Amino acid sequence: MAYNMFSLVQAKRAFGLRLQEQINVFAEVVPLPISELLHVILAENIPLALAIHTEKARSELIIMPVLVELRRLMNREISLFSGIEFNVDPLQGLNGVCDFVVAGSPEQLILTAPLLMLVEAKNDRKA
């Protein structure tokens, strides 16, 4: 089973995950200012992405601009990958193409550890 086939319930069961639901988990995080360019891009892109109403539209029009802004804010000291195959352990279903991967290395040509996060633009569905 590839990454995109897991529901939250299946991932919890398969990997012994424990969910910690918290309200305001980021309440103490100080927001960083974003560029005027990102404000303009999102003002234009969000209504369009919502009107198109597909995972691909949300991925391209909302998530990618935010991740590019993150990379800019991090002085390009992180790398950003889109639509790459990331096969960690196919026997456990940890394989497939990820919408986005962010790594803690400035090396952009090859995915290099450490891996910071995987981002999936999911459809509207229940876990």
Protein backbone atom coordinates (compact mmCIF):
# COMPACT_ATOMS: atom_id res chain seq x y z
CA MET A 1 0.00 0.00 0.00
CA ALA A 2 1.46 3.38 -0.99
CA TYR A 3 1.47 6.49 1.23
CA ASN A 4 -1.63 7.92 -0.38
CA MET A 5 -3.62 4.78 0.44
CA PHE A 6 -3.27 5.13 4.23
CA SER A 7 -6.07 6.62 6.26
CA LEU A 8 -5.27 7.99 9.69
CA VAL A 9 -6.90 4.96 11.28
CA GLN A 10 -4.82 2.56 9.13
CA ALA A 11 -1.55 4.40 9.84
CA LYS A 12 -2.29 4.42 13.57
CA ARG A 13 -2.96 0.68 13.56
CA ALA A 14 -0.07 -0.32 11.26
CA PHE A 15 2.64 1.66 13.03
CA GLY A 16 1.41 1.76 16.62
CA LEU A 17 0.97 5.52 16.52
CA ARG A 18 -0.53 7.39 19.45
CA LEU A 19 -2.51 10.50 18.60
CA GLN A 20 -2.20 13.52 20.84
CA GLU A 21 -5.01 15.89 20.10
CA GLN A 22 -4.34 19.35 21.45
CA ILE A 23 -6.07 22.66 21.05
CA ASN A 24 -3.85 25.63 20.18
CA VAL A 25 -0.75 23.46 19.85
CA PHE A 26 1.05 26.36 18.12
CA ALA A 27 -0.33 29.11 20.36
CA GLU A 28 3.11 30.08 21.67
CA VAL A 29 4.84 30.07 18.30
CA VAL A 30 5.65 33.57 17.14
CA PRO A 31 4.41 34.03 13.56
CA LEU A 32 6.95 35.03 10.96
CA PRO A 33 6.06 37.78 8.53
CA ILE A 34 5.48 36.57 5.01
CA SER A 35 6.34 38.44 1.88
CA GLU A 36 3.93 40.72 0.10
CA LEU A 37 4.42 38.46 -2.91
CA LEU A 38 3.00 35.44 -1.02
CA HIS A 39 0.03 37.55 0.11
CA VAL A 40 -0.70 38.46 -3.51
CA ILE A 41 -0.20 34.91 -4.78
CA LEU A 42 -2.50 33.38 -2.16
CA ALA A 43 -5.16 36.05 -2.60
CA GLU A 44 -5.31 35.07 -6.27
CA ASN A 45 -4.74 31.32 -5.90
CA ILE A 46 -6.92 30.28 -2.96
CA PRO A 47 -10.30 31.12 -4.54
CA LEU A 48 -9.19 29.42 -7.75
CA ALA A 49 -7.99 26.29 -5.94
CA LEU A 50 -11.25 26.09 -4.00
CA ALA A 51 -13.29 26.53 -7.19
CA ILE A 52 -11.33 23.84 -9.05
CA HIS A 53 -11.76 21.65 -5.94
CA THR A 54 -9.11 19.02 -6.63
CA GLU A 55 -6.11 17.78 -4.68
CA LYS A 56 -3.83 18.79 -7.54
CA ALA A 57 -5.15 22.36 -7.58
CA ARG A 58 -4.70 22.76 -3.81
CA SER A 59 -1.24 21.26 -4.11
CA GLU A 60 -0.05 23.53 -6.90
CA LEU A 61 -1.88 26.74 -6.04
CA ILE A 62 -1.73 26.81 -2.23
CA ILE A 63 0.81 24.40 -0.77
CA MET A 64 3.68 24.96 -3.22
CA PRO A 65 3.73 28.77 -2.84
CA VAL A 66 3.75 28.38 0.96
CA LEU A 67 6.64 25.89 0.82
CA VAL A 68 8.60 28.14 -1.53
CA GLU A 69 8.08 30.97 0.97
CA LEU A 70 9.32 28.67 3.76
CA ARG A 71 12.45 27.95 1.75
CA ARG A 72 12.98 31.69 1.22
CA LEU A 73 12.51 32.40 4.93
CA MET A 74 15.08 29.69 5.68
CA ASN A 75 17.63 31.42 3.40
CA ARG A 76 17.46 28.45 1.02
CA GLU A 77 19.14 26.25 3.65
CA ILE A 78 16.43 23.62 3.15
CA SER A 79 15.51 21.75 0.00
CA LEU A 80 12.07 21.26 -1.50
CA PHE A 81 10.97 18.36 -3.69
CA SER A 82 7.69 17.89 -5.50
CA GLY A 83 6.23 14.64 -6.82
CA ILE A 84 9.24 12.46 -6.06
CA GLU A 85 9.27 8.75 -5.39
CA PHE A 86 10.18 8.10 -1.76
CA ASN A 87 10.43 4.39 -1.01
CA VAL A 88 11.38 3.86 2.62
CA ASP A 89 9.99 0.39 3.33
CA PRO A 90 7.69 -1.01 0.63
CA LEU A 91 6.86 -4.09 2.73
CA GLN A 92 5.19 -1.81 5.30
CA GLY A 93 3.53 0.35 2.66
CA LEU A 94 6.01 3.19 3.05
CA ASN A 95 6.50 3.74 -0.63
CA GLY A 96 5.20 5.81 -3.44
CA VAL A 97 5.23 9.33 -4.75
CA CYS A 98 4.96 12.16 -2.21
CA ASP A 99 3.35 15.45 -3.11
CA PHE A 100 6.13 17.33 -1.32
CA VAL A 101 9.21 16.53 0.74
CA VAL A 102 11.17 19.14 2.68
CA ALA A 103 14.69 18.22 3.75
CA GLY A 104 17.13 19.92 6.11
CA SER A 105 19.84 20.19 3.51
CA PRO A 106 20.37 22.97 0.96
CA GLU A 107 21.24 20.34 -1.66
CA GLN A 108 18.46 20.59 -4.22
CA LEU A 109 19.46 18.07 -6.88
CA ILE A 110 19.29 14.99 -4.64
CA LEU A 111 17.11 14.32 -1.60
CA THR A 112 19.50 14.28 1.34
CA ALA A 113 18.88 13.58 5.02
CA PRO A 114 17.63 14.83 7.34
CA LEU A 115 14.07 14.70 6.17
CA LEU A 116 11.95 17.38 7.84
CA MET A 117 8.47 16.65 6.60
CA LEU A 118 6.22 15.07 4.02
CA VAL A 119 3.27 17.07 2.78
CA GLU A 120 0.21 15.58 1.12
CA ALA A 121 -2.65 17.60 -0.35
CA LYS A 122 -5.48 15.27 0.62
CA ASN A 123 -8.98 15.08 -0.76
CA ASP A 124 -11.90 15.96 1.49
CA ARG A 125 -12.56 12.60 3.10
CA LYS A 126 -12.98 11.16 6.56
CA ALA A 127 -10.17 9.14 8.20
